[in-house]
Amino acid sequence: TIAVTQTSVFLGMKAASAALHASATGNVVNISSMYGIV
């Protein structure tokens, strides 16, 4: 569960970092949950 739901987000941002920074409007939307807050 941690690998698919959490570590994947870290890996995705790391892998995409250079390409996103090369974009003039690079951005990321991460899908958490209301259970990420309460």
PDB file of all heavy atoms in Angstrom:
ATOM      1  N   THR A   1       0.828  -1.210   0.000  1.00  0.00           N
ATOM      2  CA  THR A   1       0.000   0.000   0.000  1.00  0.00           C
ATOM      3  C   THR A   1       0.860   1.257   0.000  1.00  0.00           C
ATOM      4  O   THR A   1       0.588   2.215  -0.741  1.00  0.00           O
ATOM      5  CB  THR A   1      -0.945   0.006   1.216  1.00  0.00           C
ATOM      6  OG1 THR A   1      -1.770  -1.168   1.169  1.00  0.00           O
ATOM      7  CG2 THR A   1      -1.845   1.236   1.204  1.00  0.00           C
ATOM      8  N   ILE A   2       1.898   1.274   0.823  1.00  0.00           N
ATOM      9  CA  ILE A   2       2.803   2.429   0.872  1.00  0.00           C
ATOM     10  C   ILE A   2       3.500   2.611  -0.473  1.00  0.00           C
ATOM     11  O   ILE A   2       3.628   3.739  -0.982  1.00  0.00           O
ATOM     12  CB  ILE A   2       3.843   2.267   2.000  1.00  0.00           C
ATOM     13  CG1 ILE A   2       3.154   2.272   3.373  1.00  0.00           C
ATOM     14  CG2 ILE A   2       4.908   3.360   1.915  1.00  0.00           C
ATOM     15  CD1 ILE A   2       2.445   3.561   3.728  1.00  0.00           C
ATOM     16  N   ALA A   3       3.926   1.523  -1.087  1.00  0.00           N
ATOM     17  CA  ALA A   3       4.646   1.620  -2.369  1.00  0.00           C
ATOM     18  C   ALA A   3       3.761   2.198  -3.466  1.00  0.00           C
ATOM     19  O   ALA A   3       4.172   3.104  -4.197  1.00  0.00           O
ATOM     20  CB  ALA A   3       5.159   0.239  -2.769  1.00  0.00           C
ATOM     21  N   VAL A   4       2.539   1.673  -3.595  1.00  0.00           N
ATOM     22  CA  VAL A   4       1.665   2.091  -4.699  1.00  0.00           C
ATOM     23  C   VAL A   4       1.066   3.472  -4.459  1.00  0.00           C
ATOM     24  O   VAL A   4       0.918   4.271  -5.393  1.00  0.00           O
ATOM     25  CB  VAL A   4       0.544   1.051  -4.913  1.00  0.00           C
ATOM     26  CG1 VAL A   4      -0.422   1.525  -6.001  1.00  0.00           C
ATOM     27  CG2 VAL A   4       1.132  -0.301  -5.292  1.00  0.00           C
ATOM     28  N   THR A   5       0.734   3.776  -3.220  1.00  0.00           N
ATOM     29  CA  THR A   5      -0.023   4.990  -2.925  1.00  0.00           C
ATOM     30  C   THR A   5       0.853   6.166  -2.504  1.00  0.00           C
ATOM     31  O   THR A   5       0.492   7.320  -2.722  1.00  0.00           O
ATOM     32  CB  THR A   5      -1.073   4.677  -1.836  1.00  0.00           C
ATOM     33  OG1 THR A   5      -1.854   3.549  -2.250  1.00  0.00           O
ATOM     34  CG2 THR A   5      -1.993   5.848  -1.586  1.00  0.00           C
ATOM     35  N   GLN A   6       2.002   5.884  -1.911  1.00  0.00           N
ATOM     36  CA  GLN A   6       2.878   6.956  -1.418  1.00  0.00           C
ATOM     37  C   GLN A   6       4.193   7.057  -2.187  1.00  0.00           C
ATOM     38  O   GLN A   6       4.516   8.115  -2.749  1.00  0.00           O
ATOM     39  CB  GLN A   6       3.192   6.727   0.062  1.00  0.00           C
ATOM     40  CG  GLN A   6       4.236   7.675   0.646  1.00  0.00           C
ATOM     41  CD  GLN A   6       4.596   7.323   2.072  1.00  0.00           C
ATOM     42  OE1 GLN A   6       3.795   6.764   2.822  1.00  0.00           O
ATOM     43  NE2 GLN A   6       5.815   7.634   2.481  1.00  0.00           N
ATOM     44  N   THR A   7       4.954   5.970  -2.232  1.00  0.00           N
ATOM     45  CA  THR A   7       6.268   6.017  -2.872  1.00  0.00           C
ATOM     46  C   THR A   7       6.156   6.377  -4.337  1.00  0.00           C
ATOM     47  O   THR A   7       7.030   7.057  -4.897  1.00  0.00           O
ATOM     48  CB  THR A   7       6.996   4.668  -2.706  1.00  0.00           C
ATOM     49  OG1 THR A   7       7.031   4.331  -1.318  1.00  0.00           O
ATOM     50  CG2 THR A   7       8.412   4.740  -3.253  1.00  0.00           C
ATOM     51  N   SER A   8       5.062   5.975  -4.977  1.00  0.00           N
ATOM     52  CA  SER A   8       4.846   6.289  -6.390  1.00  0.00           C
ATOM     53  C   SER A   8       4.843   7.789  -6.659  1.00  0.00           C
ATOM     54  O   SER A   8       5.317   8.250  -7.701  1.00  0.00           O
ATOM     55  CB  SER A   8       3.510   5.698  -6.855  1.00  0.00           C
ATOM     56  OG  SER A   8       2.421   6.290  -6.160  1.00  0.00           O
ATOM     57  N   VAL A   9       4.334   8.553  -5.701  1.00  0.00           N
ATOM     58  CA  VAL A   9       4.274  10.013  -5.863  1.00  0.00           C
ATOM     59  C   VAL A   9       5.683  10.599  -5.823  1.00  0.00           C
ATOM     60  O   VAL A   9       6.041  11.470  -6.625  1.00  0.00           O
ATOM     61  CB  VAL A   9       3.377  10.633  -4.773  1.00  0.00           C
ATOM     62  CG1 VAL A   9       3.373  12.160  -4.876  1.00  0.00           C
ATOM     63  CG2 VAL A   9       1.960  10.082  -4.891  1.00  0.00           C
ATOM     64  N   PHE A  10       6.491  10.121  -4.887  1.00  0.00           N
ATOM     65  CA  PHE A  10       7.892  10.531  -4.813  1.00  0.00           C
ATOM     66  C   PHE A  10       8.627  10.184  -6.114  1.00  0.00           C
ATOM     67  O   PHE A  10       9.329  11.024  -6.696  1.00  0.00           O
ATOM     68  CB  PHE A  10       8.566   9.844  -3.625  1.00  0.00           C
ATOM     69  CG  PHE A  10      10.052   9.713  -3.732  1.00  0.00           C
ATOM     70  CD1 PHE A  10      10.879  10.820  -3.602  1.00  0.00           C
ATOM     71  CD2 PHE A  10      10.642   8.477  -3.975  1.00  0.00           C
ATOM     72  CE1 PHE A  10      12.263  10.699  -3.711  1.00  0.00           C
ATOM     73  CE2 PHE A  10      12.012   8.337  -4.083  1.00  0.00           C
ATOM     74  CZ  PHE A  10      12.828   9.453  -3.955  1.00  0.00           C
ATOM     75  N   LEU A  11       8.463   8.951  -6.583  1.00  0.00           N
ATOM     76  CA  LEU A  11       9.151   8.519  -7.800  1.00  0.00           C
ATOM     77  C   LEU A  11       8.700   9.325  -9.010  1.00  0.00           C
ATOM     78  O   LEU A  11       9.516   9.690  -9.862  1.00  0.00           O
ATOM     79  CB  LEU A  11       8.907   7.028  -8.040  1.00  0.00           C
ATOM     80  CG  LEU A  11       9.542   6.058  -7.042  1.00  0.00           C
ATOM     81  CD1 LEU A  11       9.104   4.627  -7.339  1.00  0.00           C
ATOM     82  CD2 LEU A  11      11.062   6.166  -7.066  1.00  0.00           C
ATOM     83  N   GLY A  12       7.413   9.613  -9.085  1.00  0.00           N
ATOM     84  CA  GLY A  12       6.894  10.373 -10.220  1.00  0.00           C
ATOM     85  C   GLY A  12       7.450  11.782 -10.273  1.00  0.00           C
ATOM     86  O   GLY A  12       7.895  12.262 -11.321  1.00  0.00           O
ATOM     87  N   MET A  13       7.450  12.469  -9.135  1.00  0.00           N
ATOM     88  CA  MET A  13       7.973  13.839  -9.119  1.00  0.00           C
ATOM     89  C   MET A  13       9.466  13.867  -9.388  1.00  0.00           C
ATOM     90  O   MET A  13       9.977  14.761 -10.065  1.00  0.00           O
ATOM     91  CB  MET A  13       7.629  14.517  -7.793  1.00  0.00           C
ATOM     92  CG  MET A  13       6.153  14.824  -7.651  1.00  0.00           C
ATOM     93  SD  MET A  13       5.778  16.002  -6.318  1.00  0.00           S
ATOM     94  CE  MET A  13       6.247  15.024  -4.880  1.00  0.00           C
ATOM     95  N   LYS A  14      10.184  12.882  -8.855  1.00  0.00           N
ATOM     96  CA  LYS A  14      11.627  12.816  -9.089  1.00  0.00           C
ATOM     97  C   LYS A  14      11.927  12.593 -10.574  1.00  0.00           C
ATOM     98  O   LYS A  14      12.758  13.295 -11.169  1.00  0.00           O
ATOM     99  CB  LYS A  14      12.239  11.710  -8.252  1.00  0.00           C
ATOM    100  CG  LYS A  14      13.761  11.601  -8.398  1.00  0.00           C
ATOM    101  CD  LYS A  14      14.325  10.496  -7.519  1.00  0.00           C
ATOM    102  CE  LYS A  14      15.846  10.388  -7.696  1.00  0.00           C
ATOM    103  NZ  LYS A  14      16.421   9.275  -6.887  1.00  0.00           N
ATOM    104  N   ALA A  15      11.228  11.625 -11.178  1.00  0.00           N
ATOM    105  CA  ALA A  15      11.468  11.308 -12.585  1.00  0.00           C
ATOM    106  C   ALA A  15      11.094  12.457 -13.511  1.00  0.00           C
ATOM    107  O   ALA A  15      11.761  12.703 -14.517  1.00  0.00           O
ATOM    108  CB  ALA A  15      10.690  10.050 -12.970  1.00  0.00           C
ATOM    109  N   ALA A  16      10.034  13.184 -13.157  1.00  0.00           N
ATOM    110  CA  ALA A  16       9.524  14.238 -14.026  1.00  0.00           C
ATOM    111  C   ALA A  16      10.150  15.600 -13.761  1.00  0.00           C
ATOM    112  O   ALA A  16       9.911  16.552 -14.511  1.00  0.00           O
ATOM    113  CB  ALA A  16       8.007  14.352 -13.865  1.00  0.00           C
ATOM    114  N   SER A  17      10.970  15.707 -12.728  1.00  0.00           N
ATOM    115  CA  SER A  17      11.471  17.013 -12.292  1.00  0.00           C
ATOM    116  C   SER A  17      12.115  17.827 -13.407  1.00  0.00           C
ATOM    117  O   SER A  17      11.759  18.986 -13.630  1.00  0.00           O
ATOM    118  CB  SER A  17      12.471  16.822 -11.151  1.00  0.00           C
ATOM    119  OG  SER A  17      13.064  18.052 -10.791  1.00  0.00           O
ATOM    120  N   ALA A  18      13.064  17.250 -14.113  1.00  0.00           N
ATOM    121  CA  ALA A  18      13.783  18.013 -15.136  1.00  0.00           C
ATOM    122  C   ALA A  18      12.845  18.489 -16.234  1.00  0.00           C
ATOM    123  O   ALA A  18      12.912  19.648 -16.683  1.00  0.00           O
ATOM    124  CB  ALA A  18      14.908  17.171 -15.726  1.00  0.00           C
ATOM    125  N   ALA A  19      11.957  17.619 -16.686  1.00  0.00           N
ATOM    126  CA  ALA A  19      11.028  17.983 -17.752  1.00  0.00           C
ATOM    127  C   ALA A  19      10.049  19.048 -17.291  1.00  0.00           C
ATOM    128  O   ALA A  19       9.733  19.989 -18.036  1.00  0.00           O
ATOM    129  CB  ALA A  19      10.274  16.744 -18.243  1.00  0.00           C
ATOM    130  N   LEU A  20       9.564  18.945 -16.069  1.00  0.00           N
ATOM    131  CA  LEU A  20       8.635  19.940 -15.548  1.00  0.00           C
ATOM    132  C   LEU A  20       9.312  21.298 -15.394  1.00  0.00           C
ATOM    133  O   LEU A  20       8.710  22.345 -15.668  1.00  0.00           O
ATOM    134  CB  LEU A  20       8.068  19.477 -14.198  1.00  0.00           C
ATOM    135  CG  LEU A  20       7.118  18.281 -14.241  1.00  0.00           C
ATOM    136  CD1 LEU A  20       6.822  17.792 -12.822  1.00  0.00           C
ATOM    137  CD2 LEU A  20       5.820  18.635 -14.965  1.00  0.00           C
ATOM    138  N   HIS A  21      10.563  21.293 -14.961  1.00  0.00           N
ATOM    139  CA  HIS A  21      11.299  22.554 -14.831  1.00  0.00           C
ATOM    140  C   HIS A  21      11.608  23.179 -16.191  1.00  0.00           C
ATOM    141  O   HIS A  21      11.771  24.403 -16.291  1.00  0.00           O
ATOM    142  CB  HIS A  21      12.592  22.340 -14.034  1.00  0.00           C
ATOM    143  CG  HIS A  21      12.379  22.315 -12.556  1.00  0.00           C
ATOM    144  ND1 HIS A  21      11.904  21.200 -11.895  1.00  0.00           N
ATOM    145  CD2 HIS A  21      12.565  23.264 -11.605  1.00  0.00           C
ATOM    146  CE1 HIS A  21      11.816  21.471 -10.600  1.00  0.00           C
ATOM    147  NE2 HIS A  21      12.209  22.709 -10.403  1.00  0.00           N
ATOM    148  N   ALA A  22      11.685  22.363 -17.217  1.00  0.00           N
ATOM    149  CA  ALA A  22      11.930  22.890 -18.560  1.00  0.00           C
ATOM    150  C   ALA A  22      10.687  23.533 -19.151  1.00  0.00           C
ATOM    151  O   ALA A  22      10.769  24.306 -20.117  1.00  0.00           O
ATOM    152  CB  ALA A  22      12.414  21.773 -19.480  1.00  0.00           C
ATOM    153  N   SER A  23       9.525  23.226 -18.571  1.00  0.00           N
ATOM    154  CA  SER A  23       8.268  23.815 -19.022  1.00  0.00           C
ATOM    155  C   SER A  23       8.090  25.193 -18.389  1.00  0.00           C
ATOM    156  O   SER A  23       8.460  25.412 -17.240  1.00  0.00           O
ATOM    157  CB  SER A  23       7.091  22.916 -18.622  1.00  0.00           C
ATOM    158  OG  SER A  23       5.857  23.583 -18.806  1.00  0.00           O
ATOM    159  N   ALA A  24       7.486  26.091 -19.127  1.00  0.00           N
ATOM    160  CA  ALA A  24       7.222  27.423 -18.578  1.00  0.00           C
ATOM    161  C   ALA A  24       6.084  27.392 -17.568  1.00  0.00           C
ATOM    162  O   ALA A  24       5.925  28.315 -16.764  1.00  0.00           O
ATOM    163  CB  ALA A  24       6.887  28.395 -19.703  1.00  0.00           C
ATOM    164  N   THR A  25       5.289  26.327 -17.604  1.00  0.00           N
ATOM    165  CA  THR A  25       4.125  26.241 -16.716  1.00  0.00           C
ATOM    166  C   THR A  25       4.032  24.865 -16.053  1.00  0.00           C
ATOM    167  O   THR A  25       2.943  24.323 -15.874  1.00  0.00           O
ATOM    168  CB  THR A  25       2.826  26.523 -17.493  1.00  0.00           C
ATOM    169  OG1 THR A  25       2.731  25.602 -18.599  1.00  0.00           O
ATOM    170  CG2 THR A  25       2.800  27.945 -18.017  1.00  0.00           C
ATOM    171  N   GLY A  26       5.175  24.299 -15.682  1.00  0.00           N
ATOM    172  CA  GLY A  26       5.174  22.970 -15.093  1.00  0.00           C
ATOM    173  C   GLY A  26       4.413  22.925 -13.787  1.00  0.00           C
ATOM    174  O   GLY A  26       4.542  23.809 -12.941  1.00  0.00           O
ATOM    175  N   ASN A  27       3.585  21.897 -13.627  1.00  0.00           N
ATOM    176  CA  ASN A  27       2.903  21.743 -12.355  1.00  0.00           C
ATOM    177  C   ASN A  27       2.483  20.303 -12.108  1.00  0.00           C
ATOM    178  O   ASN A  27       2.376  19.497 -13.030  1.00  0.00           O
ATOM    179  CB  ASN A  27       1.720  22.714 -12.223  1.00  0.00           C
ATOM    180  CG  ASN A  27       0.517  22.306 -13.018  1.00  0.00           C
ATOM    181  OD1 ASN A  27      -0.314  21.561 -12.533  1.00  0.00           O
ATOM    182  ND2 ASN A  27       0.414  22.799 -14.249  1.00  0.00           N
ATOM    183  N   VAL A  28       2.279  20.006 -10.828  1.00  0.00           N
ATOM    184  CA  VAL A  28       1.950  18.664 -10.366  1.00  0.00           C
ATOM    185  C   VAL A  28       0.684  18.729  -9.529  1.00  0.00           C
ATOM    186  O   VAL A  28       0.507  19.640  -8.716  1.00  0.00           O
ATOM    187  CB  VAL A  28       3.091  18.093  -9.491  1.00  0.00           C
ATOM    188  CG1 VAL A  28       2.733  16.686  -8.994  1.00  0.00           C
ATOM    189  CG2 VAL A  28       4.412  18.092 -10.241  1.00  0.00           C
ATOM    190  N   VAL A  29      -0.191  17.756  -9.744  1.00  0.00           N
ATOM    191  CA  VAL A  29      -1.351  17.580  -8.866  1.00  0.00           C
ATOM    192  C   VAL A  29      -1.276  16.170  -8.297  1.00  0.00           C
ATOM    193  O   VAL A  29      -1.301  15.187  -9.045  1.00  0.00           O
ATOM    194  CB  VAL A  29      -2.685  17.782  -9.616  1.00  0.00           C
ATOM    195  CG1 VAL A  29      -3.849  17.630  -8.639  1.00  0.00           C
ATOM    196  CG2 VAL A  29      -2.736  19.150 -10.292  1.00  0.00           C
ATOM    197  N   ASN A  30      -1.142  16.081  -6.977  1.00  0.00           N
ATOM    198  CA  ASN A  30      -1.074  14.797  -6.296  1.00  0.00           C
ATOM    199  C   ASN A  30      -2.423  14.477  -5.664  1.00  0.00           C
ATOM    200  O   ASN A  30      -3.010  15.326  -4.978  1.00  0.00           O
ATOM    201  CB  ASN A  30       0.004  14.827  -5.206  1.00  0.00           C
ATOM    202  CG  ASN A  30       1.395  14.969  -5.784  1.00  0.00           C
ATOM    203  OD1 ASN A  30       1.689  14.443  -6.848  1.00  0.00           O
ATOM    204  ND2 ASN A  30       2.271  15.669  -5.073  1.00  0.00           N
ATOM    205  N   ILE A  31      -2.900  13.254  -5.883  1.00  0.00           N
ATOM    206  CA  ILE A  31      -4.193  12.882  -5.339  1.00  0.00           C
ATOM    207  C   ILE A  31      -4.000  12.188  -3.993  1.00  0.00           C
ATOM    208  O   ILE A  31      -3.488  11.071  -3.919  1.00  0.00           O
ATOM    209  CB  ILE A  31      -4.975  11.972  -6.302  1.00  0.00           C
ATOM    210  CG1 ILE A  31      -5.005  12.597  -7.704  1.00  0.00           C
ATOM    211  CG2 ILE A  31      -6.385  11.745  -5.768  1.00  0.00           C
ATOM    212  CD1 ILE A  31      -5.495  14.039  -7.761  1.00  0.00           C
ATOM    213  N   SER A  32      -4.393  12.883  -2.944  1.00  0.00           N
ATOM    214  CA  SER A  32      -4.371  12.334  -1.592  1.00  0.00           C
ATOM    215  C   SER A  32      -5.783  11.846  -1.280  1.00  0.00           C
ATOM    216  O   SER A  32      -6.389  11.125  -2.071  1.00  0.00           O
ATOM    217  CB  SER A  32      -3.879  13.393  -0.604  1.00  0.00           C
ATOM    218  OG  SER A  32      -3.876  12.903   0.722  1.00  0.00           O
ATOM    219  N   SER A  33      -6.320  12.223  -0.154  1.00  0.00           N
ATOM    220  CA  SER A  33      -7.643  11.789   0.289  1.00  0.00           C
ATOM    221  C   SER A  33      -8.054  12.670   1.448  1.00  0.00           C
ATOM    222  O   SER A  33      -7.207  13.269   2.115  1.00  0.00           O
ATOM    223  CB  SER A  33      -7.589  10.326   0.738  1.00  0.00           C
ATOM    224  OG  SER A  33      -8.752   9.959   1.458  1.00  0.00           O
ATOM    225  N   MET A  34      -9.359  12.729   1.709  1.00  0.00           N
ATOM    226  CA  MET A  34      -9.771  13.416   2.938  1.00  0.00           C
ATOM    227  C   MET A  34      -9.158  12.708   4.141  1.00  0.00           C
ATOM    228  O   MET A  34      -8.902  13.314   5.186  1.00  0.00           O
ATOM    229  CB  MET A  34     -11.288  13.449   3.061  1.00  0.00           C
ATOM    230  CG  MET A  34     -11.963  12.105   3.206  1.00  0.00           C
ATOM    231  SD  MET A  34     -13.765  12.299   3.238  1.00  0.00           S
ATOM    232  CE  MET A  34     -14.276  10.602   3.521  1.00  0.00           C
ATOM    233  N   TYR A  35      -8.853  11.403   3.987  1.00  0.00           N
ATOM    234  CA  TYR A  35      -8.192  10.654   5.046  1.00  0.00           C
ATOM    235  C   TYR A  35      -6.697  10.917   5.092  1.00  0.00           C
ATOM    236  O   TYR A  35      -5.977  10.303   5.883  1.00  0.00           O
ATOM    237  CB  TYR A  35      -8.474   9.165   4.896  1.00  0.00           C
ATOM    238  CG  TYR A  35      -9.876   8.766   5.343  1.00  0.00           C
ATOM    239  CD1 TYR A  35     -10.509   7.665   4.787  1.00  0.00           C
ATOM    240  CD2 TYR A  35     -10.547   9.482   6.327  1.00  0.00           C
ATOM    241  CE1 TYR A  35     -11.783   7.289   5.205  1.00  0.00           C
ATOM    242  CE2 TYR A  35     -11.816   9.124   6.739  1.00  0.00           C
ATOM    243  CZ  TYR A  35     -12.425   8.018   6.177  1.00  0.00           C
ATOM    244  OH  TYR A  35     -13.689   7.643   6.595  1.00  0.00           O
ATOM    245  N   GLY A  36      -6.231  11.829   4.273  1.00  0.00           N
ATOM    246  CA  GLY A  36      -4.878  12.346   4.411  1.00  0.00           C
ATOM    247  C   GLY A  36      -4.851  13.548   5.333  1.00  0.00           C
ATOM    248  O   GLY A  36      -3.782  14.100   5.623  1.00  0.00           O
ATOM    249  N   ILE A  37      -6.042  13.957   5.802  1.00  0.00           N
ATOM    250  CA  ILE A  37      -6.173  15.133   6.665  1.00  0.00           C
ATOM    251  C   ILE A  37      -6.799  14.772   8.011  1.00  0.00           C
ATOM    252  O   ILE A  37      -6.375  15.262   9.061  1.00  0.00           O
ATOM    253  CB  ILE A  37      -7.035  16.221   5.968  1.00  0.00           C
ATOM    254  CG1 ILE A  37      -6.367  16.662   4.659  1.00  0.00           C
ATOM    255  CG2 ILE A  37      -7.266  17.413   6.883  1.00  0.00           C
ATOM    256  CD1 ILE A  37      -7.196  17.625   3.849  1.00  0.00           C
ATOM    257  N   VAL A  38      -7.827  13.917   7.970  1.00  0.00           N
ATOM    258  CA  VAL A  38      -8.527  13.527   9.197  1.00  0.00           C
ATOM    259  C   VAL A  38      -8.498  12.011   9.348  1.00  0.00           C
ATOM    260  O   VAL A  38      -8.298  11.274   8.382  1.00  0.00           O
ATOM    261  CB  VAL A  38      -9.992  14.013   9.192  1.00  0.00           C
ATOM    262  CG1 VAL A  38     -10.063  15.530   9.120  1.00  0.00           C
ATOM    263  CG2 VAL A  38     -10.776  13.369   8.043  1.00  0.00           C
TER     264      VAL A  38
END
